[in-house]
């Protein structure tokens, strides 16, 4: 992983690890639920692919662009 990492929703200033704790606690299953509850993702949207990957894998720290690279290569 590169020295720089993506680890939070910038607009809401909340770390993905904190978002994931809420996901587990409240049994949240989708990005839309997080947005509806105003937890994250309602600003610029740059965090959306990272949050979607977090919901699938449980990862909370990403290399910049990681979610796009894997999407393109299958």
Protein backbone atom coordinates (compact mmCIF):
# COMPACT_ATOMS: atom_id res chain seq x y z
CA UNK A 1 0.00 0.00 0.00
CA UNK A 2 1.29 3.49 -0.75
CA UNK A 3 2.33 5.85 2.04
CA UNK A 4 -0.76 7.91 1.38
CA UNK A 5 -4.06 6.35 2.29
CA UNK A 6 -7.75 7.05 1.98
CA UNK A 7 -9.29 6.49 5.37
CA UNK A 8 -12.17 8.90 5.86
CA UNK A 9 -15.15 10.72 4.42
CA UNK A 10 -13.70 14.21 4.05
CA UNK A 11 -17.00 16.12 3.91
CA UNK A 12 -18.28 14.60 7.16
CA UNK A 13 -14.82 14.31 8.73
CA UNK A 14 -15.42 10.74 9.88
CA UNK A 15 -12.98 7.86 9.57
CA UNK A 16 -14.05 4.72 7.71
CA UNK A 17 -13.22 2.68 10.84
CA UNK A 18 -15.77 4.77 12.78
CA UNK A 19 -18.31 4.41 9.98
CA UNK A 20 -17.74 0.64 10.01
CA UNK A 21 -18.38 0.53 13.76
CA UNK A 22 -21.77 2.19 13.12
CA UNK A 23 -22.46 -0.24 10.26
CA UNK A 24 -21.91 -3.18 12.60
CA UNK A 25 -23.77 -1.64 15.54
CA UNK A 26 -26.84 -0.63 13.51
CA UNK A 27 -26.73 -3.50 11.00
CA UNK A 28 -26.49 -1.08 8.07
CA UNK A 29 -26.25 -2.76 4.69
CA UNK A 30 -25.94 0.04 2.13
CA UNK A 31 -24.37 3.38 1.33
CA UNK A 32 -27.87 4.82 0.91
CA UNK A 33 -28.66 3.98 4.55
CA UNK A 34 -25.50 5.77 5.69
CA UNK A 35 -26.41 8.82 3.60
CA UNK A 36 -30.04 8.83 4.80
CA UNK A 37 -28.84 8.78 8.41
CA UNK A 38 -26.39 11.62 7.62
CA UNK A 39 -23.44 9.53 8.82
CA UNK A 40 -21.35 10.05 5.68
CA UNK A 41 -21.39 10.27 1.90
CA UNK A 42 -23.84 13.14 1.45
CA UNK A 43 -21.26 15.71 0.32
CA UNK A 44 -18.91 15.42 -2.65
CA UNK A 45 -19.33 11.65 -3.13
CA UNK A 46 -15.61 10.90 -3.43
CA UNK A 47 -15.92 8.40 -0.57
CA UNK A 48 -18.73 6.38 -2.18
CA UNK A 49 -16.62 3.69 -3.88
CA UNK A 50 -14.46 3.31 -0.77
CA UNK A 51 -17.49 2.97 1.49
CA UNK A 52 -19.05 0.45 -0.88
CA UNK A 53 -15.85 -1.62 -0.77
CA UNK A 54 -15.78 -1.27 3.02
CA UNK A 55 -19.31 -2.64 3.22
CA UNK A 56 -18.26 -5.68 1.17
CA UNK A 57 -14.82 -6.39 2.61
CA UNK A 58 -14.65 -4.73 6.02
CA UNK A 59 -11.50 -2.85 4.96
CA UNK A 60 -11.23 0.68 6.33
CA UNK A 61 -7.96 1.94 4.79
CA UNK A 62 -7.31 2.10 1.07
CA UNK A 63 -4.60 3.10 -1.37
CA UNK A 64 -5.73 6.10 -3.42
CA UNK A 65 -7.60 4.86 -6.48
CA UNK A 66 -7.55 1.24 -5.26
CA UNK A 67 -11.28 0.79 -5.73
CA UNK A 68 -11.06 1.98 -9.34
CA UNK A 69 -8.10 -0.21 -10.27
CA UNK A 70 -9.83 -3.39 -9.08
CA UNK A 71 -13.10 -2.44 -10.77
CA UNK A 72 -11.37 -2.10 -14.14
CA UNK A 73 -9.40 -5.34 -13.90
CA UNK A 74 -12.31 -7.40 -12.67
